Protein backbone atom coordinates (compact mmCIF):
# COMPACT_ATOMS: atom_id res chain seq x y z
CA UNK A 1 0.03 -0.34 -0.24
CA UNK A 2 1.30 3.59 -0.65
CA UNK A 3 -0.22 7.28 0.06
CA UNK A 4 -0.94 9.91 -2.44
CA UNK A 5 0.88 11.41 -0.16
CA UNK A 6 4.48 9.72 -1.41
CA UNK A 7 3.29 11.22 -4.95
CA UNK A 8 4.32 14.46 -3.93
CA UNK A 9 7.76 15.67 -6.02
CA UNK A 10 8.78 18.99 -6.90
CA UNK A 11 10.58 16.77 -9.29
CA UNK A 12 9.04 16.12 -12.97
CA UNK A 13 8.60 12.10 -13.13
CA UNK A 14 9.36 11.25 -9.74
CA UNK A 15 5.95 9.55 -8.40
CA UNK A 16 5.69 8.15 -11.91
CA UNK A 17 8.95 6.22 -11.54
CA UNK A 18 7.68 5.38 -7.90
CA UNK A 19 4.38 3.77 -8.85
CA UNK A 20 6.15 1.72 -11.63
CA UNK A 21 8.87 0.28 -8.83
CA UNK A 22 6.30 -0.20 -6.89
CA UNK A 23 4.27 -2.34 -9.30
CA UNK A 24 7.69 -4.13 -10.26
CA UNK A 25 8.09 -5.19 -6.84
CA UNK A 26 3.86 -6.64 -6.64
CA UNK A 27 5.06 -7.95 -9.73
CA UNK A 28 7.94 -9.78 -8.41
CA UNK A 29 5.67 -11.03 -5.19
CA UNK A 30 3.15 -12.69 -7.38
CA UNK A 31 5.85 -14.53 -9.63
CA UNK A 32 7.02 -16.26 -6.80
CA UNK A 33 3.59 -17.73 -6.04
CA UNK A 34 2.24 -14.84 -3.64
CA UNK A 35 -1.12 -13.05 -3.81
CA UNK A 36 -0.52 -8.94 -4.06
CA UNK A 37 -2.22 -6.13 -5.29
CA UNK A 38 -0.92 -2.65 -5.63
CA UNK A 39 -3.20 0.12 -3.50
CA UNK A 40 -2.96 3.65 -3.82
CA UNK A 41 -4.36 5.14 -0.81
CA UNK A 42 -6.81 8.79 -1.30
CA UNK A 43 -5.17 8.98 -5.01
CA UNK A 44 -8.04 11.08 -5.42
CA UNK A 45 -7.34 13.83 -2.51
CA UNK A 46 -3.78 13.66 -3.94
CA UNK A 47 -3.73 14.07 -7.40
CA UNK A 48 -3.38 17.66 -7.52
CA UNK A 49 -6.97 19.17 -6.63
CA UNK A 50 -6.94 22.50 -5.56
CA UNK A 51 -10.50 24.20 -4.54
CA UNK A 52 -13.02 22.96 -6.75
CA UNK A 53 -10.96 22.47 -9.97
CA UNK A 54 -8.32 20.31 -10.56
CA UNK A 55 -5.02 21.62 -11.12
CA UNK A 56 -2.69 19.36 -13.67
CA UNK A 57 0.84 19.15 -13.48
CA UNK A 58 3.39 17.52 -15.18
CA UNK A 59 3.57 15.04 -12.17
CA UNK A 60 0.22 14.63 -12.20
CA UNK A 61 -0.36 14.47 -15.93
CA UNK A 62 2.42 11.50 -15.06
CA UNK A 63 0.70 9.37 -12.69
CA UNK A 64 -1.95 9.58 -14.41
CA UNK A 65 -0.02 8.19 -18.00
CA UNK A 66 1.50 5.83 -15.63
CA UNK A 67 -1.52 4.45 -14.04
CA UNK A 68 -3.21 4.02 -17.65
CA UNK A 69 -0.53 2.33 -19.92
CA UNK A 70 -0.16 -0.26 -16.94
CA UNK A 71 -3.65 -0.83 -17.54
CA UNK A 72 -3.22 -0.98 -20.99
CA UNK A 73 0.18 -3.11 -20.85
CA UNK A 74 0.29 -4.75 -17.05
CA UNK A 75 3.32 -7.24 -18.25
CA UNK A 76 5.50 -4.57 -19.97
CA UNK A 77 6.54 -1.80 -17.32
CA UNK A 78 9.84 -0.75 -17.68
CA UNK A 79 12.16 1.14 -15.28
CA UNK A 80 14.56 3.70 -16.35
């Protein structure tokens, strides 16, 4: 489990990299025959909400793109 607060970073790309790393760790556990899932707690609260509108930053866009890529290609998650 990870918190959406872990996805806050001043460095572009760091939150997306963290998601990929955690996903790969979960995949390694599954390859060993154990059950595992990646749960991001309070993602809706930590995804750049500011007042009544959503603030789209580079990191928010990269997090969304990373999650969509994992959903579309779950067996091909690349780490830089």
